[in-house]
Amino acid sequence: MSGLWNRLGEIVRAHERAALVSVAGTRGSAPREAGARMIVTPDGGFSGTIGGGTLEFEAIDIARRQLAAGAPGAHLRRMALGPALGQCCGGEAQILFETFTADRLAEIDRLAALERDGDLVTTAHLSDGQALERSPAPPAPDAPRLRLGVDGTLVESFLDTGQPLMLFGAGHVGRALVMALAPLPFLVTWVDSRHEAFPAAMPVNATARQVAHPDEAIAAAAPGTFVLVMTHSHPLDLDVCLAALRRSDLGYVGLIGSATKRARFVSRFRAAGLPQPAIDRLHCPIGLPGLDGKAPAEIAASVAADLLTRRQAVRGQQTLSEAVAAAGAPPSP
């Protein structure tokens, strides 16, 4: 969940109280990993997920009843994922329930501000029934999302781990794609030259940028950023693709269109002096092979699934590289 403390503050202000439900640990098979979180309102509404199914429904009911009873502080419950819960995972989940009321808004706002400033890591000590007093700790790239020690020491990280993505074009497909990516781990910078093309409201993981020359926005992309090009103009598509392909450190460059469009663009790239290795980095058509629907929502679903696969591959490569470096051994050919 991105911006958890800000979202929690919004919900507490709207409902006067809310419960934060976190997976504190697992044993065996479980729907979600430690650090998965959701916020539950007094009426049973929720934001986020700890895995769905009966486990989540039961956790929502427990949180709702604790809110109704005014149960303060933090409570840890072990929930077996077996027949009694109507699930067959066979494992066990430790679920942490915390109640927040309006008198804790100053604390929530302080953590929200720290979260906005960068990667937030906190430590606390869990004592059943007592409110957790989280203290900021130095950020660390290997900080766990949530780790609960046997002595009750709780370490949590609220890190922005979404894959950066620059999306060029706020047309029908662009809008559908932004909505498809809304619940997924992507941080979208949405670029268009037309201010009126952006919707009045957009997902929290998307930021609109209206710029006169979208191709110039490529310079601001962080290394590893995914780039998707689907503007209202083929000449503009060409300019943005050229700017992206001239960089060798972007994670992915995709262009909406057919194989015919790709062939025409390749000819223009060569005329512009772009070397073949750079041209080969262009992905066009985009999306998963075999999904041929032309409706914006169908294209968006296909592209989102493809982007998730590519993000997973990148994260796997990074994990392997980090493991090799930690072992002090050269990577195998």
C-alpha atoms as a PDB file:
ATOM      1  CA  MET A   1       0.000   0.000   0.000  1.00  0.00           C
ATOM      2  CA  SER A   2       1.545   3.310  -1.104  1.00  0.00           C
ATOM      3  CA  GLY A   3       1.318   6.286   1.290  1.00  0.00           C
ATOM      4  CA  LEU A   4      -0.148   4.200   4.120  1.00  0.00           C
ATOM      5  CA  TRP A   5       0.046   6.846   6.855  1.00  0.00           C
ATOM      6  CA  ASN A   6      -1.452   9.545   4.675  1.00  0.00           C
ATOM      7  CA  ARG A   7      -4.293   7.209   3.742  1.00  0.00           C
ATOM      8  CA  LEU A   8      -4.800   6.206   7.375  1.00  0.00           C
ATOM      9  CA  GLY A   9      -5.044   9.873   8.353  1.00  0.00           C
ATOM     10  CA  GLU A  10      -7.669  10.511   5.673  1.00  0.00           C
ATOM     11  CA  ILE A  11      -9.761   7.567   6.873  1.00  0.00           C
ATOM     12  CA  VAL A  12      -9.507   8.484  10.574  1.00  0.00           C
ATOM     13  CA  ARG A  13     -10.577  12.046   9.772  1.00  0.00           C
ATOM     14  CA  ALA A  14     -13.555  10.758   7.786  1.00  0.00           C
ATOM     15  CA  HIS A  15     -14.659   8.027  10.236  1.00  0.00           C
ATOM     16  CA  GLU A  16     -13.138   9.189  13.569  1.00  0.00           C
ATOM     17  CA  ARG A  17     -11.461   5.799  13.988  1.00  0.00           C
ATOM     18  CA  ALA A  18      -9.926   3.023  11.896  1.00  0.00           C
ATOM     19  CA  ALA A  19      -8.018  -0.225  12.312  1.00  0.00           C
ATOM     20  CA  LEU A  20      -4.668  -0.993  10.725  1.00  0.00           C
ATOM     21  CA  VAL A  21      -4.396  -4.732  10.018  1.00  0.00           C
ATOM     22  CA  SER A  22      -0.937  -6.100   9.193  1.00  0.00           C
ATOM     23  CA  VAL A  23       0.480  -9.532   8.446  1.00  0.00           C
ATOM     24  CA  ALA A  24       3.147  -9.765  11.166  1.00  0.00           C
ATOM     25  CA  GLY A  25       4.471 -13.190  10.196  1.00  0.00           C
ATOM     26  CA  THR A  26       3.638 -16.444   8.449  1.00  0.00           C
ATOM     27  CA  ARG A  27       4.452 -20.124   8.775  1.00  0.00           C
ATOM     28  CA  GLY A  28       3.975 -22.486   5.860  1.00  0.00           C
ATOM     29  CA  SER A  29       1.718 -21.461   2.993  1.00  0.00           C
ATOM     30  CA  ALA A  30      -0.103 -18.150   3.366  1.00  0.00           C
ATOM     31  CA  PRO A  31      -1.912 -15.774   0.963  1.00  0.00           C
ATOM     32  CA  ARG A  32       0.374 -12.795   1.653  1.00  0.00           C
ATOM     33  CA  GLU A  33       3.800 -12.066   3.095  1.00  0.00           C
ATOM     34  CA  ALA A  34       4.739 -10.251   6.297  1.00  0.00           C
ATOM     35  CA  GLY A  35       4.137  -6.533   5.820  1.00  0.00           C
ATOM     36  CA  ALA A  36       0.938  -6.835   3.781  1.00  0.00           C
ATOM     37  CA  ARG A  37      -1.504  -4.317   5.251  1.00  0.00           C
ATOM     38  CA  MET A  38      -5.040  -3.010   5.019  1.00  0.00           C
ATOM     39  CA  ILE A  39      -7.056  -0.296   6.753  1.00  0.00           C
ATOM     40  CA  VAL A  40     -10.551  -1.151   8.020  1.00  0.00           C
ATOM     41  CA  THR A  41     -13.304   1.378   8.761  1.00  0.00           C
ATOM     42  CA  PRO A  42     -15.999   0.982  11.459  1.00  0.00           C
ATOM     43  CA  ASP A  43     -18.591  -0.051   8.851  1.00  0.00           C
ATOM     44  CA  GLY A  44     -16.372  -2.831   7.512  1.00  0.00           C
ATOM     45  CA  GLY A  45     -15.039  -0.958   4.504  1.00  0.00           C
ATOM     46  CA  PHE A  46     -11.361  -1.473   3.767  1.00  0.00           C
ATOM     47  CA  SER A  47      -8.408  -0.196   1.774  1.00  0.00           C
ATOM     48  CA  GLY A  48      -5.575  -2.541   0.848  1.00  0.00           C
ATOM     49  CA  THR A  49      -5.494  -6.323   1.227  1.00  0.00           C
ATOM     50  CA  ILE A  50      -3.870  -9.056   3.288  1.00  0.00           C
ATOM     51  CA  GLY A  51      -4.677 -11.728   0.749  1.00  0.00           C
ATOM     52  CA  GLY A  52      -8.403 -12.079   0.290  1.00  0.00           C
ATOM     53  CA  GLY A  53     -10.493 -15.138   1.087  1.00  0.00           C
ATOM     54  CA  THR A  54     -11.827 -16.160   4.466  1.00  0.00           C
ATOM     55  CA  LEU A  55      -8.697 -14.970   6.264  1.00  0.00           C
ATOM     56  CA  GLU A  56      -9.314 -11.427   5.083  1.00  0.00           C
ATOM     57  CA  PHE A  57     -13.055 -11.544   5.762  1.00  0.00           C
ATOM     58  CA  GLU A  58     -12.401 -12.816   9.288  1.00  0.00           C
ATOM     59  CA  ALA A  59      -9.729 -10.156   9.873  1.00  0.00           C
ATOM     60  CA  ILE A  60     -12.107  -7.421   8.712  1.00  0.00           C
ATOM     61  CA  ASP A  61     -14.788  -8.713  11.081  1.00  0.00           C
ATOM     62  CA  ILE A  62     -12.344  -8.810  14.017  1.00  0.00           C
ATOM     63  CA  ALA A  63     -11.166  -5.259  13.232  1.00  0.00           C
ATOM     64  CA  ARG A  64     -14.741  -4.005  12.922  1.00  0.00           C
ATOM     65  CA  ARG A  65     -15.707  -5.544  16.269  1.00  0.00           C
ATOM     66  CA  GLN A  66     -12.649  -4.077  17.974  1.00  0.00           C
ATOM     67  CA  LEU A  67     -13.519  -0.654  16.603  1.00  0.00           C
ATOM     68  CA  ALA A  68     -17.106  -1.000  17.802  1.00  0.00           C
ATOM     69  CA  ALA A  69     -15.934  -2.034  21.274  1.00  0.00           C
ATOM     70  CA  GLY A  70     -13.398   0.777  21.418  1.00  0.00           C
ATOM     71  CA  ALA A  71     -10.612  -1.757  22.001  1.00  0.00           C
ATOM     72  CA  PRO A  72      -7.434   0.334  22.274  1.00  0.00           C
ATOM     73  CA  GLY A  73      -3.891  -0.462  21.312  1.00  0.00           C
ATOM     74  CA  ALA A  74      -2.408  -3.351  19.373  1.00  0.00           C
ATOM     75  CA  HIS A  75      -3.398  -7.007  19.469  1.00  0.00           C
ATOM     76  CA  LEU A  76      -1.643  -9.978  17.830  1.00  0.00           C
ATOM     77  CA  ARG A  77      -3.636 -13.018  16.735  1.00  0.00           C
ATOM     78  CA  ARG A  78      -2.463 -16.311  15.273  1.00  0.00           C
ATOM     79  CA  MET A  79      -4.825 -17.596  12.604  1.00  0.00           C
ATOM     80  CA  ALA A  80      -4.467 -21.150  11.279  1.00  0.00           C
ATOM     81  CA  LEU A  81      -5.185 -21.377   7.558  1.00  0.00           C
ATOM     82  CA  GLY A  82      -6.992 -24.696   7.776  1.00  0.00           C
ATOM     83  CA  PRO A  83     -10.524 -26.175   7.869  1.00  0.00           C
ATOM     84  CA  ALA A  84     -11.641 -24.025  10.823  1.00  0.00           C
ATOM     85  CA  LEU A  85     -11.088 -20.931   8.675  1.00  0.00           C
ATOM     86  CA  GLY A  86     -12.407 -22.543   5.510  1.00  0.00           C
ATOM     87  CA  GLN A  87      -8.995 -22.386   3.832  1.00  0.00           C
ATOM     88  CA  CYS A  88      -6.629 -25.115   2.729  1.00  0.00           C
ATOM     89  CA  CYS A  89      -3.292 -23.274   2.633  1.00  0.00           C
ATOM     90  CA  GLY A  90      -2.189 -25.342   5.627  1.00  0.00           C
ATOM     91  CA  GLY A  91      -0.045 -22.586   7.112  1.00  0.00           C
ATOM     92  CA  GLU A  92      -0.479 -19.972   9.791  1.00  0.00           C
ATOM     93  CA  ALA A  93      -0.587 -16.184   9.781  1.00  0.00           C
ATOM     94  CA  GLN A  94       0.134 -13.796  12.629  1.00  0.00           C
ATOM     95  CA  ILE A  95      -2.157 -10.808  12.214  1.00  0.00           C
ATOM     96  CA  LEU A  96      -1.550  -7.536  14.033  1.00  0.00           C
ATOM     97  CA  PHE A  97      -4.630  -5.399  14.749  1.00  0.00           C
ATOM     98  CA  GLU A  98      -4.172  -1.735  15.728  1.00  0.00           C
ATOM     99  CA  THR A  99      -6.908   0.751  16.576  1.00  0.00           C
ATOM    100  CA  PHE A 100      -6.405   4.413  15.735  1.00  0.00           C
ATOM    101  CA  THR A 101      -8.717   7.180  16.914  1.00  0.00           C
ATOM    102  CA  ALA A 102      -8.812  10.906  16.227  1.00  0.00           C
ATOM    103  CA  ASP A 103      -6.653  11.661  19.270  1.00  0.00           C
ATOM    104  CA  ARG A 104      -3.743   9.965  17.463  1.00  0.00           C
ATOM    105  CA  LEU A 105      -3.924  12.120  14.337  1.00  0.00           C
ATOM    106  CA  ALA A 106      -0.817  14.099  15.317  1.00  0.00           C
ATOM    107  CA  GLU A 107       1.151  10.845  15.463  1.00  0.00           C
ATOM    108  CA  ILE A 108      -0.308   9.678  12.141  1.00  0.00           C
ATOM    109  CA  ASP A 109       0.476  13.021  10.479  1.00  0.00           C
ATOM    110  CA  ARG A 110       4.074  12.912  11.768  1.00  0.00           C
ATOM    111  CA  LEU A 111       4.610   9.483  10.229  1.00  0.00           C
ATOM    112  CA  ALA A 112       2.868  10.568   7.015  1.00  0.00           C
ATOM    113  CA  ALA A 113       5.262  13.519   6.681  1.00  0.00           C
ATOM    114  CA  LEU A 114       8.266  11.256   7.224  1.00  0.00           C
ATOM    115  CA  GLU A 115       6.890   8.798   4.678  1.00  0.00           C
ATOM    116  CA  ARG A 116       6.518  11.564   2.089  1.00  0.00           C
ATOM    117  CA  ASP A 117      10.109  12.679   2.673  1.00  0.00           C
ATOM    118  CA  GLY A 118      11.494   9.293   1.646  1.00  0.00           C
ATOM    119  CA  ASP A 119      11.860   5.697   2.693  1.00  0.00           C
ATOM    120  CA  LEU A 120      10.490   5.375   6.219  1.00  0.00           C
ATOM    121  CA  VAL A 121      11.724   2.708   8.624  1.00  0.00           C
ATOM    122  CA  THR A 122      10.350   2.480  12.166  1.00  0.00           C
ATOM    123  CA  THR A 123      10.980   0.429  15.288  1.00  0.00           C
ATOM    124  CA  ALA A 124       8.605  -0.272  18.174  1.00  0.00           C
ATOM    125  CA  HIS A 125       7.979  -2.768  20.956  1.00  0.00           C
ATOM    126  CA  LEU A 126       4.785  -4.809  20.848  1.00  0.00           C
ATOM    127  CA  SER A 127       3.001  -5.254  24.170  1.00  0.00           C
ATOM    128  CA  ASP A 128      -0.491  -6.708  23.795  1.00  0.00           C
ATOM    129  CA  GLY A 129      -3.181  -4.118  24.369  1.00  0.00           C
ATOM    130  CA  GLN A 130      -0.782  -1.172  24.336  1.00  0.00           C
ATOM    131  CA  ALA A 131      -0.509   1.294  21.473  1.00  0.00           C
ATOM    132  CA  LEU A 132       2.636   0.895  19.416  1.00  0.00           C
ATOM    133  CA  GLU A 133       4.994   3.850  19.775  1.00  0.00           C
ATOM    134  CA  ARG A 134       6.867   3.878  16.483  1.00  0.00           C
ATOM    135  CA  SER A 135      10.250   5.608  16.361  1.00  0.00           C
ATOM    136  CA  PRO A 136      11.947   6.468  13.049  1.00  0.00           C
ATOM    137  CA  ALA A 137      15.103   4.471  12.312  1.00  0.00           C
ATOM    138  CA  PRO A 138      17.818   5.039   9.693  1.00  0.00           C
ATOM    139  CA  PRO A 139      16.629   3.945   6.232  1.00  0.00           C
ATOM    140  CA  ALA A 140      18.220   0.738   5.003  1.00  0.00           C
ATOM    141  CA  PRO A 141      17.828  -0.909   1.570  1.00  0.00           C
ATOM    142  CA  ASP A 142      17.497  -4.328   3.226  1.00  0.00           C
ATOM    143  CA  ALA A 143      14.951  -3.249   5.853  1.00  0.00           C
ATOM    144  CA  PRO A 144      12.094  -5.773   6.107  1.00  0.00           C
ATOM    145  CA  ARG A 145       8.566  -4.686   5.319  1.00  0.00           C
ATOM    146  CA  LEU A 146       7.723  -6.049   8.755  1.00  0.00           C
ATOM    147  CA  ARG A 147       9.733  -8.184  11.164  1.00  0.00           C
ATOM    148  CA  LEU A 148       8.470  -9.165  14.606  1.00  0.00           C
ATOM    149  CA  GLY A 149      11.130 -10.525  16.950  1.00  0.00           C
ATOM    150  CA  VAL A 150      10.489 -13.068  19.693  1.00  0.00           C
ATOM    151  CA  ASP A 151      11.114 -10.294  22.228  1.00  0.00           C
ATOM    152  CA  GLY A 152       8.332  -8.166  20.728  1.00  0.00           C
ATOM    153  CA  THR A 153      10.649  -5.838  18.788  1.00  0.00           C
ATOM    154  CA  LEU A 154       8.872  -4.681  15.656  1.00  0.00           C
ATOM    155  CA  VAL A 155      10.769  -3.308  12.661  1.00  0.00           C
ATOM    156  CA  GLU A 156       8.732  -1.966   9.737  1.00  0.00           C
ATOM    157  CA  SER A 157       9.537  -0.263   6.475  1.00  0.00           C
ATOM    158  CA  PHE A 158       7.158   1.870   4.486  1.00  0.00           C
ATOM    159  CA  LEU A 159       9.136   2.010   1.273  1.00  0.00           C
ATOM    160  CA  ASP A 160       8.076   3.248  -2.140  1.00  0.00           C
ATOM    161  CA  THR A 161       8.936   0.053  -4.034  1.00  0.00           C
ATOM    162  CA  GLY A 162       6.892   0.711  -7.153  1.00  0.00           C
ATOM    163  CA  GLN A 163       8.501   0.429 -10.572  1.00  0.00           C
ATOM    164  CA  PRO A 164       8.931   3.917 -12.111  1.00  0.00           C
ATOM    165  CA  LEU A 165       7.022   4.231 -15.377  1.00  0.00           C
ATOM    166  CA  MET A 166       6.675   7.201 -17.716  1.00  0.00           C
ATOM    167  CA  LEU A 167       3.479   7.041 -19.752  1.00  0.00           C
ATOM    168  CA  PHE A 168       3.256   9.409 -22.701  1.00  0.00           C
ATOM    169  CA  GLY A 169      -0.301  10.087 -23.841  1.00  0.00           C
ATOM    170  CA  ALA A 170      -3.566  10.765 -22.022  1.00  0.00           C
ATOM    171  CA  GLY A 171      -5.913   9.419 -24.667  1.00  0.00           C
ATOM    172  CA  HIS A 172      -8.418   6.585 -24.258  1.00  0.00           C
ATOM    173  CA  VAL A 173      -5.803   3.841 -23.947  1.00  0.00           C
ATOM    174  CA  GLY A 174      -3.615   5.963 -21.672  1.00  0.00           C
ATOM    175  CA  ARG A 175      -6.540   6.563 -19.323  1.00  0.00           C
ATOM    176  CA  ALA A 176      -7.468   2.876 -19.299  1.00  0.00           C
ATOM    177  CA  LEU A 177      -3.866   1.900 -18.603  1.00  0.00           C
ATOM    178  CA  VAL A 178      -3.515   4.329 -15.704  1.00  0.00           C
ATOM    179  CA  MET A 179      -6.614   2.790 -14.128  1.00  0.00           C
ATOM    180  CA  ALA A 180      -5.319  -0.744 -14.751  1.00  0.00           C
ATOM    181  CA  LEU A 181      -2.023   0.145 -13.045  1.00  0.00           C
ATOM    182  CA  ALA A 182      -3.716   1.892 -10.095  1.00  0.00           C
ATOM    183  CA  PRO A 183      -3.633  -1.113  -7.726  1.00  0.00           C
ATOM    184  CA  LEU A 184      -0.326  -2.444  -9.062  1.00  0.00           C
ATOM    185  CA  PRO A 185       3.270  -1.706  -7.926  1.00  0.00           C
ATOM    186  CA  PHE A 186       4.047   1.058 -10.416  1.00  0.00           C
ATOM    187  CA  LEU A 187       4.814   4.749  -9.909  1.00  0.00           C
ATOM    188  CA  VAL A 188       3.399   6.429 -12.991  1.00  0.00           C
ATOM    189  CA  THR A 189       4.505   9.777 -14.364  1.00  0.00           C
ATOM    190  CA  TRP A 190       1.796  10.601 -16.899  1.00  0.00           C
ATOM    191  CA  VAL A 191       2.948  13.049 -19.582  1.00  0.00           C
ATOM    192  CA  ASP A 192       0.912  14.933 -22.160  1.00  0.00           C
ATOM    193  CA  SER A 193       1.100  18.339 -23.838  1.00  0.00           C
ATOM    194  CA  ARG A 194      -2.648  18.891 -23.391  1.00  0.00           C
ATOM    195  CA  HIS A 195      -3.751  19.901 -19.905  1.00  0.00           C
ATOM    196  CA  GLU A 196      -7.395  19.182 -20.679  1.00  0.00           C
ATOM    197  CA  ALA A 197      -6.558  15.574 -21.593  1.00  0.00           C
ATOM    198  CA  PHE A 198      -5.998  14.572 -17.962  1.00  0.00           C
ATOM    199  CA  PRO A 199      -8.977  13.505 -15.833  1.00  0.00           C
ATOM    200  CA  ALA A 200      -9.984  15.613 -12.836  1.00  0.00           C
ATOM    201  CA  ALA A 201      -9.056  12.784 -10.464  1.00  0.00           C
ATOM    202  CA  MET A 202      -6.478  10.061 -10.812  1.00  0.00           C
ATOM    203  CA  PRO A 203      -4.979   7.190  -8.793  1.00  0.00           C
ATOM    204  CA  VAL A 204      -2.557   8.000  -5.986  1.00  0.00           C
ATOM    205  CA  ASN A 205       0.299   6.205  -7.790  1.00  0.00           C
ATOM    206  CA  ALA A 206       0.009   8.489 -10.844  1.00  0.00           C
ATOM    207  CA  THR A 207       1.295  12.048 -11.258  1.00  0.00           C
ATOM    208  CA  ALA A 208       0.252  14.165 -14.243  1.00  0.00           C
ATOM    209  CA  ARG A 209       2.807  16.349 -16.037  1.00  0.00           C
ATOM    210  CA  GLN A 210       1.631  18.744 -18.699  1.00  0.00           C
ATOM    211  CA  VAL A 211       4.646  19.785 -20.788  1.00  0.00           C
ATOM    212  CA  ALA A 212       4.893  21.584 -24.120  1.00  0.00           C
ATOM    213  CA  HIS A 213       7.497  19.160 -25.495  1.00  0.00           C
ATOM    214  CA  PRO A 214       6.934  15.684 -24.011  1.00  0.00           C
ATOM    215  CA  ASP A 215      10.098  14.233 -25.553  1.00  0.00           C
ATOM    216  CA  GLU A 216      12.149  16.535 -23.307  1.00  0.00           C
ATOM    217  CA  ALA A 217      10.657  14.857 -20.224  1.00  0.00           C
ATOM    218  CA  ILE A 218      12.721  11.723 -20.953  1.00  0.00           C
ATOM    219  CA  ALA A 219      15.791  13.471 -19.540  1.00  0.00           C
ATOM    220  CA  ALA A 220      14.201  13.432 -16.074  1.00  0.00           C
ATOM    221  CA  ALA A 221      13.560   9.674 -16.061  1.00  0.00           C
ATOM    222  CA  ALA A 222      15.543   7.743 -13.452  1.00  0.00           C
ATOM    223  CA  PRO A 223      17.696   4.841 -14.670  1.00  0.00           C
ATOM    224  CA  GLY A 224      15.607   1.683 -14.958  1.00  0.00           C
ATOM    225  CA  THR A 225      12.396   3.570 -15.689  1.00  0.00           C
ATOM    226  CA  PHE A 226       9.890   1.875 -17.990  1.00  0.00           C
ATOM    227  CA  VAL A 227       8.678   4.099 -20.846  1.00  0.00           C
ATOM    228  CA  LEU A 228       5.404   3.660 -22.735  1.00  0.00           C
ATOM    229  CA  VAL A 229       4.567   5.844 -25.720  1.00  0.00           C
ATOM    230  CA  MET A 230       0.982   6.324 -26.921  1.00  0.00           C
ATOM    231  CA  THR A 231       0.498  10.019 -27.683  1.00  0.00           C
ATOM    232  CA  HIS A 232      -2.123  11.570 -29.970  1.00  0.00           C
ATOM    233  CA  SER A 233       0.472  12.224 -32.669  1.00  0.00           C
ATOM    234  CA  HIS A 234       2.747   9.844 -34.618  1.00  0.00           C
ATOM    235  CA  PRO A 235       5.448  12.535 -35.080  1.00  0.00           C
ATOM    236  CA  LEU A 236       5.381  13.093 -31.316  1.00  0.00           C
ATOM    237  CA  ASP A 237       5.555   9.327 -30.741  1.00  0.00           C
ATOM    238  CA  LEU A 238       8.660   9.301 -32.919  1.00  0.00           C
ATOM    239  CA  ASP A 239      10.328  12.155 -31.013  1.00  0.00           C
ATOM    240  CA  VAL A 240       9.658  10.549 -27.627  1.00  0.00           C
ATOM    241  CA  CYS A 241      10.896   7.139 -28.799  1.00  0.00           C
ATOM    242  CA  LEU A 242      14.066   8.686 -30.214  1.00  0.00           C
ATOM    243  CA  ALA A 243      14.773  10.447 -26.930  1.00  0.00           C
ATOM    244  CA  ALA A 244      14.152   7.250 -24.960  1.00  0.00           C
ATOM    245  CA  LEU A 245      16.193   4.954 -27.204  1.00  0.00           C
ATOM    246  CA  ARG A 246      19.144   7.324 -27.123  1.00  0.00           C
ATOM    247  CA  ARG A 247      19.397   6.430 -23.442  1.00  0.00           C
ATOM    248  CA  SER A 248      20.821   3.002 -22.706  1.00  0.00           C
ATOM    249  CA  ASP A 249      19.810   2.899 -19.036  1.00  0.00           C
ATOM    250  CA  LEU A 250      16.017   2.702 -19.298  1.00  0.00           C
ATOM    251  CA  GLY A 251      14.392  -0.565 -18.290  1.00  0.00           C
ATOM    252  CA  TYR A 252      11.883  -0.818 -21.132  1.00  0.00           C
ATOM    253  CA  VAL A 253      10.692   1.268 -24.085  1.00  0.00           C
ATOM    254  CA  GLY A 254       7.310   0.362 -25.562  1.00  0.00           C
ATOM    255  CA  LEU A 255       5.351   1.944 -28.409  1.00  0.00           C
ATOM    256  CA  ILE A 256       1.681   1.342 -29.098  1.00  0.00           C
ATOM    257  CA  GLY A 257       1.016   0.287 -32.681  1.00  0.00           C
ATOM    258  CA  SER A 258       1.353  -2.473 -35.235  1.00  0.00           C
ATOM    259  CA  ALA A 259       4.322  -4.221 -36.816  1.00  0.00           C
ATOM    260  CA  THR A 260       3.846  -1.882 -39.781  1.00  0.00           C
ATOM    261  CA  LYS A 261       4.181   1.175 -37.539  1.00  0.00           C
ATOM    262  CA  ARG A 262       7.307  -0.312 -35.998  1.00  0.00           C
ATOM    263  CA  ALA A 263       8.854  -0.849 -39.452  1.00  0.00           C
ATOM    264  CA  ARG A 264       8.170   2.768 -40.415  1.00  0.00           C
ATOM    265  CA  PHE A 265       9.636   4.049 -37.169  1.00  0.00           C
ATOM    266  CA  VAL A 266      12.721   1.858 -37.547  1.00  0.00           C
ATOM    267  CA  SER A 267      13.336   3.456 -40.951  1.00  0.00           C
ATOM    268  CA  ARG A 268      13.099   6.923 -39.346  1.00  0.00           C
ATOM    269  CA  PHE A 269      15.398   5.853 -36.510  1.00  0.00           C
ATOM    270  CA  ARG A 270      18.076   4.760 -38.971  1.00  0.00           C
ATOM    271  CA  ALA A 271      17.751   8.007 -40.893  1.00  0.00           C
ATOM    272  CA  ALA A 272      18.269   9.845 -37.581  1.00  0.00           C
ATOM    273  CA  GLY A 273      21.508   7.900 -36.996  1.00  0.00           C
ATOM    274  CA  LEU A 274      20.246   5.671 -34.189  1.00  0.00           C
ATOM    275  CA  PRO A 275      22.455   2.563 -33.911  1.00  0.00           C
ATOM    276  CA  GLN A 276      20.886  -0.867 -34.368  1.00  0.00           C
ATOM    277  CA  PRO A 277      21.374  -2.015 -30.733  1.00  0.00           C
ATOM    278  CA  ALA A 278      19.333   1.004 -29.619  1.00  0.00           C
ATOM    279  CA  ILE A 279      16.639   0.308 -32.223  1.00  0.00           C
ATOM    280  CA  ASP A 280      16.421  -3.302 -31.032  1.00  0.00           C
ATOM    281  CA  ARG A 281      15.368  -2.100 -27.579  1.00  0.00           C
ATOM    282  CA  LEU A 282      12.027  -0.847 -28.920  1.00  0.00           C
ATOM    283  CA  HIS A 283       9.024  -3.034 -28.115  1.00  0.00           C
ATOM    284  CA  CYS A 284       6.201  -2.633 -30.612  1.00  0.00           C
ATOM    285  CA  PRO A 285       3.511  -3.926 -30.592  1.00  0.00           C
ATOM    286  CA  ILE A 286       3.112  -3.819 -26.795  1.00  0.00           C
ATOM    287  CA  GLY A 287       1.266  -6.175 -24.471  1.00  0.00           C
ATOM    288  CA  LEU A 288       1.078  -9.943 -24.215  1.00  0.00           C
ATOM    289  CA  PRO A 289       1.173 -11.924 -27.464  1.00  0.00           C
ATOM    290  CA  GLY A 290      -2.135 -13.516 -28.343  1.00  0.00           C
ATOM    291  CA  LEU A 291      -4.333 -10.906 -26.681  1.00  0.00           C
ATOM    292  CA  ASP A 292      -5.664  -9.103 -29.735  1.00  0.00           C
ATOM    293  CA  GLY A 293      -8.533  -7.047 -28.302  1.00  0.00           C
ATOM    294  CA  LYS A 294      -8.676  -3.465 -29.556  1.00  0.00           C
ATOM    295  CA  ALA A 295     -10.841  -1.915 -26.827  1.00  0.00           C
ATOM    296  CA  PRO A 296      -8.843   0.411 -24.528  1.00  0.00           C
ATOM    297  CA  ALA A 297      -9.561  -1.719 -21.452  1.00  0.00           C
ATOM    298  CA  GLU A 298      -8.427  -4.886 -23.242  1.00  0.00           C
ATOM    299  CA  ILE A 299      -5.218  -3.251 -24.414  1.00  0.00           C
ATOM    300  CA  ALA A 300      -4.621  -1.904 -20.908  1.00  0.00           C
ATOM    301  CA  ALA A 301      -5.097  -5.338 -19.334  1.00  0.00           C
ATOM    302  CA  SER A 302      -2.654  -6.908 -21.775  1.00  0.00           C
ATOM    303  CA  VAL A 303      -0.040  -4.180 -21.300  1.00  0.00           C
ATOM    304  CA  ALA A 304      -0.390  -4.204 -17.498  1.00  0.00           C
ATOM    305  CA  ALA A 305       0.138  -7.981 -17.396  1.00  0.00           C
ATOM    306  CA  ASP A 306       3.205  -7.665 -19.620  1.00  0.00           C
ATOM    307  CA  LEU A 307       4.637  -4.878 -17.450  1.00  0.00           C
ATOM    308  CA  LEU A 308       4.160  -6.982 -14.315  1.00  0.00           C
ATOM    309  CA  THR A 309       6.108  -9.814 -15.943  1.00  0.00           C
ATOM    310  CA  ARG A 310       8.915  -7.447 -16.896  1.00  0.00           C
ATOM    311  CA  ARG A 311       8.999  -5.915 -13.406  1.00  0.00           C
ATOM    312  CA  GLN A 312       9.277  -9.362 -11.872  1.00  0.00           C
ATOM    313  CA  ALA A 313      12.139 -10.244 -14.224  1.00  0.00           C
ATOM    314  CA  VAL A 314      13.994  -7.037 -13.325  1.00  0.00           C
ATOM    315  CA  ARG A 315      13.526  -7.650  -9.597  1.00  0.00           C
ATOM    316  CA  GLY A 316      14.767 -11.222 -10.028  1.00  0.00           C
ATOM    317  CA  GLN A 317      17.912 -10.010 -11.792  1.00  0.00           C
ATOM    318  CA  GLN A 318      18.554  -7.454  -9.072  1.00  0.00           C
ATOM    319  CA  THR A 319      18.125 -10.077  -6.371  1.00  0.00           C
ATOM    320  CA  LEU A 320      20.560 -12.392  -8.136  1.00  0.00           C
ATOM    321  CA  SER A 321      23.101  -9.599  -8.601  1.00  0.00           C
ATOM    322  CA  GLU A 322      22.842  -8.619  -4.945  1.00  0.00           C
ATOM    323  CA  ALA A 323      23.253 -12.224  -3.836  1.00  0.00           C
ATOM    324  CA  VAL A 324      26.342 -12.680  -6.008  1.00  0.00           C
ATOM    325  CA  ALA A 325      27.857  -9.437  -4.704  1.00  0.00           C
ATOM    326  CA  ALA A 326      27.155 -10.419  -1.096  1.00  0.00           C
ATOM    327  CA  ALA A 327      28.874 -13.772  -1.645  1.00  0.00           C
ATOM    328  CA  GLY A 328      31.886 -12.068  -3.166  1.00  0.00           C
ATOM    329  CA  ALA A 329      31.782 -14.363  -6.166  1.00  0.00           C
ATOM    330  CA  PRO A 330      31.811 -13.388  -9.853  1.00  0.00           C
ATOM    331  CA  PRO A 331      28.560 -14.041 -11.711  1.00  0.00           C
ATOM    332  CA  SER A 332      28.463 -17.200 -13.785  1.00  0.00           C
ATOM    333  CA  PRO A 333      28.440 -16.695 -17.562  1.00  0.00           C
END
